[in-house]
Amino acid sequence: MPTLTKDDIWKGISLLVVPLAGWVWNTNIKVTQLELEVKHQQEQIAMLQKKIEGTEADSKQIVGIQKDIEYIKVLVGNIEKFVRN
């Protein structure tokens, strides 16, 4: 019966360690890629939120302008009545 030497034990360990190291390397690369994607998505979300805030301010201004237009219409109507009389 053959005996196990230190070389045989190291060969057995290396058969397990090398594929495991490859798996760890690939997993680390995938995690890094996902982190970069998440960072990019967060930047896009922040940019879109700023645009939304700007849009809300614009829509408030539009509502104010619409109210001003309605008020002016009433004033023009009153002026028209006054001129006709």
PDB file of N, CA and C in Angstrom:
ATOM      1  N   MET A   1       0.844  -1.162   0.000  1.00  0.00           N
ATOM      2  CA  MET A   1       0.000   0.000   0.000  1.00  0.00           C
ATOM      3  C   MET A   1       0.898   1.237   0.000  1.00  0.00           C
ATOM      4  N   PRO A   2       0.621   2.154  -0.956  1.00  0.00           N
ATOM      5  CA  PRO A   2       1.478   3.335  -1.021  1.00  0.00           C
ATOM      6  C   PRO A   2       1.192   4.283   0.134  1.00  0.00           C
ATOM      7  N   THR A   3       2.207   4.966   0.572  1.00  0.00           N
ATOM      8  CA  THR A   3       2.045   5.922   1.664  1.00  0.00           C
ATOM      9  C   THR A   3       1.898   7.321   1.087  1.00  0.00           C
ATOM     10  N   LEU A   4       1.212   8.139   1.825  1.00  0.00           N
ATOM     11  CA  LEU A   4       1.016   9.527   1.406  1.00  0.00           C
ATOM     12  C   LEU A   4       2.199  10.358   1.866  1.00  0.00           C
ATOM     13  N   THR A   5       2.745  11.091   0.935  1.00  0.00           N
ATOM     14  CA  THR A   5       3.860  11.976   1.278  1.00  0.00           C
ATOM     15  C   THR A   5       3.332  13.404   1.375  1.00  0.00           C
ATOM     16  N   LYS A   6       4.208  14.294   1.805  1.00  0.00           N
ATOM     17  CA  LYS A   6       3.830  15.704   1.902  1.00  0.00           C
ATOM     18  C   LYS A   6       3.476  16.253   0.526  1.00  0.00           C
ATOM     19  N   ASP A   7       4.197  15.818  -0.483  1.00  0.00           N
ATOM     20  CA  ASP A   7       3.902  16.277  -1.846  1.00  0.00           C
ATOM     21  C   ASP A   7       2.503  15.857  -2.280  1.00  0.00           C
ATOM     22  N   ASP A   8       2.129  14.643  -1.937  1.00  0.00           N
ATOM     23  CA  ASP A   8       0.795  14.167  -2.297  1.00  0.00           C
ATOM     24  C   ASP A   8      -0.290  14.984  -1.600  1.00  0.00           C
ATOM     25  N   ILE A   9      -0.045  15.309  -0.347  1.00  0.00           N
ATOM     26  CA  ILE A   9      -1.014  16.116   0.410  1.00  0.00           C
ATOM     27  C   ILE A   9      -1.128  17.507  -0.199  1.00  0.00           C
ATOM     28  N   TRP A  10       0.006  18.132  -0.547  1.00  0.00           N
ATOM     29  CA  TRP A  10      -0.024  19.473  -1.141  1.00  0.00           C
ATOM     30  C   TRP A  10      -0.700  19.453  -2.506  1.00  0.00           C
ATOM     31  N   LYS A  11      -0.484  18.383  -3.264  1.00  0.00           N
ATOM     32  CA  LYS A  11      -1.161  18.264  -4.560  1.00  0.00           C
ATOM     33  C   LYS A  11      -2.676  18.189  -4.363  1.00  0.00           C
ATOM     34  N   GLY A  12      -3.113  17.447  -3.363  1.00  0.00           N
ATOM     35  CA  GLY A  12      -4.543  17.336  -3.068  1.00  0.00           C
ATOM     36  C   GLY A  12      -5.129  18.673  -2.641  1.00  0.00           C
ATOM     37  N   ILE A  13      -4.407  19.373  -1.812  1.00  0.00           N
ATOM     38  CA  ILE A  13      -4.876  20.682  -1.362  1.00  0.00           C
ATOM     39  C   ILE A  13      -4.924  21.654  -2.531  1.00  0.00           C
ATOM     40  N   SER A  14      -3.895  21.632  -3.380  1.00  0.00           N
ATOM     41  CA  SER A  14      -3.857  22.559  -4.510  1.00  0.00           C
ATOM     42  C   SER A  14      -4.997  22.274  -5.487  1.00  0.00           C
ATOM     43  N   LEU A  15      -5.428  21.013  -5.585  1.00  0.00           N
ATOM     44  CA  LEU A  15      -6.575  20.696  -6.440  1.00  0.00           C
ATOM     45  C   LEU A  15      -7.841  21.386  -5.942  1.00  0.00           C
ATOM     46  N   LEU A  16      -7.933  21.649  -4.656  1.00  0.00           N
ATOM     47  CA  LEU A  16      -9.086  22.349  -4.095  1.00  0.00           C
ATOM     48  C   LEU A  16      -8.891  23.867  -4.093  1.00  0.00           C
ATOM     49  N   VAL A  17      -7.666  24.297  -3.800  1.00  0.00           N
ATOM     50  CA  VAL A  17      -7.411  25.728  -3.618  1.00  0.00           C
ATOM     51  C   VAL A  17      -7.436  26.486  -4.942  1.00  0.00           C
ATOM     52  N   VAL A  18      -6.881  25.952  -5.997  1.00  0.00           N
ATOM     53  CA  VAL A  18      -6.809  26.662  -7.269  1.00  0.00           C
ATOM     54  C   VAL A  18      -8.202  26.953  -7.828  1.00  0.00           C
ATOM     55  N   PRO A  19      -9.114  25.985  -7.906  1.00  0.00           N
ATOM     56  CA  PRO A  19     -10.457  26.332  -8.393  1.00  0.00           C
ATOM     57  C   PRO A  19     -11.177  27.301  -7.453  1.00  0.00           C
ATOM     58  N   LEU A  20     -10.959  27.148  -6.162  1.00  0.00           N
ATOM     59  CA  LEU A  20     -11.579  28.045  -5.205  1.00  0.00           C
ATOM     60  C   LEU A  20     -11.054  29.468  -5.387  1.00  0.00           C
ATOM     61  N   ALA A  21      -9.772  29.613  -5.616  1.00  0.00           N
ATOM     62  CA  ALA A  21      -9.193  30.936  -5.848  1.00  0.00           C
ATOM     63  C   ALA A  21      -9.773  31.543  -7.122  1.00  0.00           C
ATOM     64  N   GLY A  22      -9.953  30.740  -8.167  1.00  0.00           N
ATOM     65  CA  GLY A  22     -10.559  31.230  -9.405  1.00  0.00           C
ATOM     66  C   GLY A  22     -11.981  31.694  -9.172  1.00  0.00           C
ATOM     67  N   TRP A  23     -12.727  30.931  -8.395  1.00  0.00           N
ATOM     68  CA  TRP A  23     -14.116  31.303  -8.101  1.00  0.00           C
ATOM     69  C   TRP A  23     -14.151  32.608  -7.307  1.00  0.00           C
ATOM     70  N   VAL A  24     -13.268  32.737  -6.318  1.00  0.00           N
ATOM     71  CA  VAL A  24     -13.214  33.962  -5.516  1.00  0.00           C
ATOM     72  C   VAL A  24     -12.862  35.151  -6.401  1.00  0.00           C
ATOM     73  N   TRP A  25     -11.908  34.975  -7.306  1.00  0.00           N
ATOM     74  CA  TRP A  25     -11.492  36.055  -8.209  1.00  0.00           C
ATOM     75  C   TRP A  25     -12.669  36.501  -9.074  1.00  0.00           C
ATOM     76  N   ASN A  26     -13.368  35.543  -9.690  1.00  0.00           N
ATOM     77  CA  ASN A  26     -14.520  35.873 -10.542  1.00  0.00           C
ATOM     78  C   ASN A  26     -15.635  36.533  -9.744  1.00  0.00           C
ATOM     79  N   THR A  27     -15.877  36.055  -8.554  1.00  0.00           N
ATOM     80  CA  THR A  27     -16.918  36.631  -7.716  1.00  0.00           C
ATOM     81  C   THR A  27     -16.559  38.064  -7.340  1.00  0.00           C
ATOM     82  N   ASN A  28     -15.302  38.299  -7.030  1.00  0.00           N
ATOM     83  CA  ASN A  28     -14.852  39.646  -6.687  1.00  0.00           C
ATOM     84  C   ASN A  28     -15.041  40.585  -7.871  1.00  0.00           C
ATOM     85  N   ILE A  29     -14.736  40.130  -9.074  1.00  0.00           N
ATOM     86  CA  ILE A  29     -14.929  40.952 -10.268  1.00  0.00           C
ATOM     87  C   ILE A  29     -16.406  41.279 -10.456  1.00  0.00           C
ATOM     88  N   LYS A  30     -17.267  40.290 -10.281  1.00  0.00           N
ATOM     89  CA  LYS A  30     -18.709  40.521 -10.444  1.00  0.00           C
ATOM     90  C   LYS A  30     -19.234  41.487  -9.397  1.00  0.00           C
ATOM     91  N   VAL A  31     -18.768  41.366  -8.167  1.00  0.00           N
ATOM     92  CA  VAL A  31     -19.199  42.272  -7.104  1.00  0.00           C
ATOM     93  C   VAL A  31     -18.764  43.698  -7.419  1.00  0.00           C
ATOM     94  N   THR A  32     -17.541  43.854  -7.907  1.00  0.00           N
ATOM     95  CA  THR A  32     -17.047  45.180  -8.268  1.00  0.00           C
ATOM     96  C   THR A  32     -17.887  45.777  -9.391  1.00  0.00           C
ATOM     97  N   GLN A  33     -18.218  44.966 -10.387  1.00  0.00           N
ATOM     98  CA  GLN A  33     -19.059  45.443 -11.485  1.00  0.00           C
ATOM     99  C   GLN A  33     -20.430  45.879 -10.969  1.00  0.00           C
ATOM    100  N   LEU A  34     -21.015  45.100 -10.076  1.00  0.00           N
ATOM    101  CA  LEU A  34     -22.321  45.450  -9.512  1.00  0.00           C
ATOM    102  C   LEU A  34     -22.242  46.728  -8.686  1.00  0.00           C
ATOM    103  N   GLU A  35     -21.159  46.898  -7.940  1.00  0.00           N
ATOM    104  CA  GLU A  35     -20.995  48.130  -7.164  1.00  0.00           C
ATOM    105  C   GLU A  35     -20.922  49.337  -8.084  1.00  0.00           C
ATOM    106  N   LEU A  36     -20.201  49.206  -9.197  1.00  0.00           N
ATOM    107  CA  LEU A  36     -20.107  50.307 -10.146  1.00  0.00           C
ATOM    108  C   LEU A  36     -21.470  50.611 -10.773  1.00  0.00           C
ATOM    109  N   GLU A  37     -22.227  49.565 -11.094  1.00  0.00           N
ATOM    110  CA  GLU A  37     -23.556  49.767 -11.662  1.00  0.00           C
ATOM    111  C   GLU A  37     -24.475  50.462 -10.666  1.00  0.00           C
ATOM    112  N   VAL A  38     -24.406  50.054  -9.399  1.00  0.00           N
ATOM    113  CA  VAL A  38     -25.239  50.674  -8.366  1.00  0.00           C
ATOM    114  C   VAL A  38     -24.857  52.143  -8.205  1.00  0.00           C
ATOM    115  N   LYS A  39     -23.562  52.436  -8.214  1.00  0.00           N
ATOM    116  CA  LYS A  39     -23.113  53.819  -8.089  1.00  0.00           C
ATOM    117  C   LYS A  39     -23.636  54.650  -9.255  1.00  0.00           C
ATOM    118  N   HIS A  40     -23.553  54.100 -10.450  1.00  0.00           N
ATOM    119  CA  HIS A  40     -24.045  54.810 -11.636  1.00  0.00           C
ATOM    120  C   HIS A  40     -25.552  55.047 -11.536  1.00  0.00           C
ATOM    121  N   GLN A  41     -26.294  54.043 -11.096  1.00  0.00           N
ATOM    122  CA  GLN A  41     -27.741  54.182 -10.953  1.00  0.00           C
ATOM    123  C   GLN A  41     -28.086  55.230  -9.897  1.00  0.00           C
ATOM    124  N   GLN A  42     -27.335  55.258  -8.811  1.00  0.00           N
ATOM    125  CA  GLN A  42     -27.582  56.251  -7.770  1.00  0.00           C
ATOM    126  C   GLN A  42     -27.328  57.663  -8.292  1.00  0.00           C
ATOM    127  N   GLU A  43     -26.305  57.815  -9.110  1.00  0.00           N
ATOM    128  CA  GLU A  43     -26.027  59.130  -9.701  1.00  0.00           C
ATOM    129  C   GLU A  43     -27.170  59.545 -10.630  1.00  0.00           C
ATOM    130  N   GLN A  44     -27.684  58.591 -11.407  1.00  0.00           N
ATOM    131  CA  GLN A  44     -28.801  58.898 -12.297  1.00  0.00           C
ATOM    132  C   GLN A  44     -30.054  59.257 -11.500  1.00  0.00           C
ATOM    133  N   ILE A  45     -30.298  58.557 -10.402  1.00  0.00           N
ATOM    134  CA  ILE A  45     -31.463  58.856  -9.562  1.00  0.00           C
ATOM    135  C   ILE A  45     -31.340  60.259  -8.988  1.00  0.00           C
ATOM    136  N   ALA A  46     -30.155  60.615  -8.509  1.00  0.00           N
ATOM    137  CA  ALA A  46     -29.946  61.961  -7.949  1.00  0.00           C
ATOM    138  C   ALA A  46     -30.185  63.023  -9.015  1.00  0.00           C
ATOM    139  N   MET A  47     -29.710  62.770 -10.236  1.00  0.00           N
ATOM    140  CA  MET A  47     -29.894  63.732 -11.320  1.00  0.00           C
ATOM    141  C   MET A  47     -31.383  63.870 -11.660  1.00  0.00           C
ATOM    142  N   LEU A  48     -32.096  62.751 -11.707  1.00  0.00           N
ATOM    143  CA  LEU A  48     -33.526  62.795 -12.023  1.00  0.00           C
ATOM    144  C   LEU A  48     -34.316  63.488 -10.915  1.00  0.00           C
ATOM    145  N   GLN A  49     -33.913  63.282  -9.667  1.00  0.00           N
ATOM    146  CA  GLN A  49     -34.594  63.966  -8.565  1.00  0.00           C
ATOM    147  C   GLN A  49     -34.416  65.476  -8.665  1.00  0.00           C
ATOM    148  N   LYS A  50     -33.228  65.928  -9.071  1.00  0.00           N
ATOM    149  CA  LYS A  50     -33.007  67.361  -9.254  1.00  0.00           C
ATOM    150  C   LYS A  50     -33.891  67.890 -10.379  1.00  0.00           C
ATOM    151  N   LYS A  51     -34.017  67.107 -11.454  1.00  0.00           N
ATOM    152  CA  LYS A  51     -34.878  67.528 -12.560  1.00  0.00           C
ATOM    153  C   LYS A  51     -36.331  67.614 -12.103  1.00  0.00           C
ATOM    154  N   ILE A  52     -36.756  66.655 -11.281  1.00  0.00           N
ATOM    155  CA  ILE A  52     -38.132  66.662 -10.784  1.00  0.00           C
ATOM    156  C   ILE A  52     -38.371  67.895  -9.928  1.00  0.00           C
ATOM    157  N   GLU A  53     -37.400  68.223  -9.075  1.00  0.00           N
ATOM    158  CA  GLU A  53     -37.544  69.418  -8.237  1.00  0.00           C
ATOM    159  C   GLU A  53     -37.663  70.665  -9.104  1.00  0.00           C
ATOM    160  N   GLY A  54     -36.861  70.732 -10.166  1.00  0.00           N
ATOM    161  CA  GLY A  54     -36.951  71.863 -11.083  1.00  0.00           C
ATOM    162  C   GLY A  54     -38.286  71.896 -11.790  1.00  0.00           C
ATOM    163  N   THR A  55     -38.789  70.740 -12.149  1.00  0.00           N
ATOM    164  CA  THR A  55     -40.076  70.650 -12.824  1.00  0.00           C
ATOM    165  C   THR A  55     -41.211  71.087 -11.902  1.00  0.00           C
ATOM    166  N   GLU A  56     -41.114  70.721 -10.625  1.00  0.00           N
ATOM    167  CA  GLU A  56     -42.142  71.136  -9.668  1.00  0.00           C
ATOM    168  C   GLU A  56     -42.171  72.655  -9.542  1.00  0.00           C
ATOM    169  N   ALA A  57     -41.005  73.261  -9.494  1.00  0.00           N
ATOM    170  CA  ALA A  57     -40.946  74.729  -9.410  1.00  0.00           C
ATOM    171  C   ALA A  57     -41.533  75.348 -10.667  1.00  0.00           C
ATOM    172  N   ASP A  58     -41.224  74.760 -11.821  1.00  0.00           N
ATOM    173  CA  ASP A  58     -41.771  75.267 -13.083  1.00  0.00           C
ATOM    174  C   ASP A  58     -43.288  75.138 -13.117  1.00  0.00           C
ATOM    175  N   SER A  59     -43.806  74.007 -12.644  1.00  0.00           N
ATOM    176  CA  SER A  59     -45.259  73.823 -12.671  1.00  0.00           C
ATOM    177  C   SER A  59     -45.951  74.791 -11.710  1.00  0.00           C
ATOM    178  N   LYS A  60     -45.302  75.117 -10.587  1.00  0.00           N
ATOM    179  CA  LYS A  60     -45.873  76.115  -9.679  1.00  0.00           C
ATOM    180  C   LYS A  60     -45.921  77.478 -10.357  1.00  0.00           C
ATOM    181  N   GLN A  61     -44.872  77.800 -11.103  1.00  0.00           N
ATOM    182  CA  GLN A  61     -44.856  79.068 -11.831  1.00  0.00           C
ATOM    183  C   GLN A  61     -45.946  79.095 -12.897  1.00  0.00           C
ATOM    184  N   ILE A  62     -46.137  77.967 -13.569  1.00  0.00           N
ATOM    185  CA  ILE A  62     -47.184  77.894 -14.602  1.00  0.00           C
ATOM    186  C   ILE A  62     -48.551  78.125 -13.987  1.00  0.00           C
ATOM    187  N   VAL A  63     -48.802  77.511 -12.832  1.00  0.00           N
ATOM    188  CA  VAL A  63     -50.086  77.702 -12.157  1.00  0.00           C
ATOM    189  C   VAL A  63     -50.255  79.171 -11.783  1.00  0.00           C
ATOM    190  N   GLY A  64     -49.197  79.794 -11.304  1.00  0.00           N
ATOM    191  CA  GLY A  64     -49.266  81.219 -10.965  1.00  0.00           C
ATOM    192  C   GLY A  64     -49.551  82.071 -12.191  1.00  0.00           C
ATOM    193  N   ILE A  65     -48.914  81.753 -13.299  1.00  0.00           N
ATOM    194  CA  ILE A  65     -49.155  82.500 -14.541  1.00  0.00           C
ATOM    195  C   ILE A  65     -50.590  82.301 -15.016  1.00  0.00           C
ATOM    196  N   GLN A  66     -51.113  81.096 -14.899  1.00  0.00           N
ATOM    197  CA  GLN A  66     -52.503  80.840 -15.298  1.00  0.00           C
ATOM    198  C   GLN A  66     -53.468  81.669 -14.456  1.00  0.00           C
ATOM    199  N   LYS A  67     -53.188  81.759 -13.165  1.00  0.00           N
ATOM    200  CA  LYS A  67     -54.042  82.579 -12.299  1.00  0.00           C
ATOM    201  C   LYS A  67     -53.952  84.042 -12.700  1.00  0.00           C
ATOM    202  N   ASP A  68     -52.735  84.495 -13.018  1.00  0.00           N
ATOM    203  CA  ASP A  68     -52.565  85.884 -13.470  1.00  0.00           C
ATOM    204  C   ASP A  68     -53.337  86.134 -14.758  1.00  0.00           C
ATOM    205  N   ILE A  69     -53.306  85.186 -15.672  1.00  0.00           N
ATOM    206  CA  ILE A  69     -54.029  85.329 -16.938  1.00  0.00           C
ATOM    207  C   ILE A  69     -55.530  85.431 -16.684  1.00  0.00           C
ATOM    208  N   GLU A  70     -56.040  84.594 -15.799  1.00  0.00           N
ATOM    209  CA  GLU A  70     -57.470  84.656 -15.475  1.00  0.00           C
ATOM    210  C   GLU A  70     -57.827  86.014 -14.862  1.00  0.00           C
ATOM    211  N   TYR A  71     -56.968  86.511 -13.981  1.00  0.00           N
ATOM    212  CA  TYR A  71     -57.209  87.810 -13.361  1.00  0.00           C
ATOM    213  C   TYR A  71     -57.205  88.921 -14.417  1.00  0.00           C
ATOM    214  N   ILE A  72     -56.241  88.829 -15.352  1.00  0.00           N
ATOM    215  CA  ILE A  72     -56.163  89.829 -16.426  1.00  0.00           C
ATOM    216  C   ILE A  72     -57.408  89.756 -17.308  1.00  0.00           C
ATOM    217  N   LYS A  73     -57.900  88.553 -17.569  1.00  0.00           N
ATOM    218  CA  LYS A  73     -59.120  88.404 -18.370  1.00  0.00           C
ATOM    219  C   LYS A  73     -60.285  89.107 -17.696  1.00  0.00           C
ATOM    220  N   VAL A  74     -60.389  88.956 -16.395  1.00  0.00           N
ATOM    221  CA  VAL A  74     -61.465  89.620 -15.652  1.00  0.00           C
ATOM    222  C   VAL A  74     -61.298  91.130 -15.754  1.00  0.00           C
ATOM    223  N   LEU A  75     -60.078  91.618 -15.574  1.00  0.00           N
ATOM    224  CA  LEU A  75     -59.833  93.056 -15.670  1.00  0.00           C
ATOM    225  C   LEU A  75     -60.145  93.585 -17.066  1.00  0.00           C
ATOM    226  N   VAL A  76     -59.735  92.844 -18.098  1.00  0.00           N
ATOM    227  CA  VAL A  76     -60.010  93.266 -19.470  1.00  0.00           C
ATOM    228  C   VAL A  76     -61.517  93.271 -19.706  1.00  0.00           C
ATOM    229  N   GLY A  77     -62.215  92.287 -19.166  1.00  0.00           N
ATOM    230  CA  GLY A  77     -63.678  92.265 -19.282  1.00  0.00           C
ATOM    231  C   GLY A  77     -64.312  93.470 -18.614  1.00  0.00           C
ATOM    232  N   ASN A  78     -63.800  93.841 -17.443  1.00  0.00           N
ATOM    233  CA  ASN A  78     -64.324  95.020 -16.732  1.00  0.00           C
ATOM    234  C   ASN A  78     -64.023  96.295 -17.520  1.00  0.00           C
ATOM    235  N   ILE A  79     -62.829  96.386 -18.074  1.00  0.00           N
ATOM    236  CA  ILE A  79     -62.467  97.557 -18.880  1.00  0.00           C
ATOM    237  C   ILE A  79     -63.359  97.642 -20.110  1.00  0.00           C
ATOM    238  N   GLU A  80     -63.615  96.491 -20.731  1.00  0.00           N
ATOM    239  CA  GLU A  80     -64.490  96.465 -21.916  1.00  0.00           C
ATOM    240  C   GLU A  80     -65.885  96.940 -21.573  1.00  0.00           C
ATOM    241  N   LYS A  81     -66.411  96.504 -20.450  1.00  0.00           N
ATOM    242  CA  LYS A  81     -67.729  96.952 -20.012  1.00  0.00           C
ATOM    243  C   LYS A  81     -67.731  98.463 -19.766  1.00  0.00           C
ATOM    244  N   PHE A  82     -66.671  98.934 -19.122  1.00  0.00           N
ATOM    245  CA  PHE A  82     -66.575 100.357 -18.813  1.00  0.00           C
ATOM    246  C   PHE A  82     -66.511 101.192 -20.101  1.00  0.00           C
ATOM    247  N   VAL A  83     -65.764 100.720 -21.097  1.00  0.00           N
ATOM    248  CA  VAL A  83     -65.617 101.448 -22.358  1.00  0.00           C
ATOM    249  C   VAL A  83     -66.944 101.446 -23.113  1.00  0.00           C
ATOM    250  N   ARG A  84     -67.694 100.391 -23.094  1.00  0.00           N
ATOM    251  CA  ARG A  84     -68.949 100.300 -23.810  1.00  0.00           C
ATOM    252  C   ARG A  84     -70.011 101.224 -23.202  1.00  0.00           C
ATOM    253  N   ASN A  85     -69.910 101.442 -21.945  1.00  0.00           N
ATOM    254  CA  ASN A  85     -70.925 102.280 -21.280  1.00  0.00           C
ATOM    255  C   ASN A  85     -70.585 103.694 -21.426  1.00  0.00           C
TER     256      ASN A  85
END
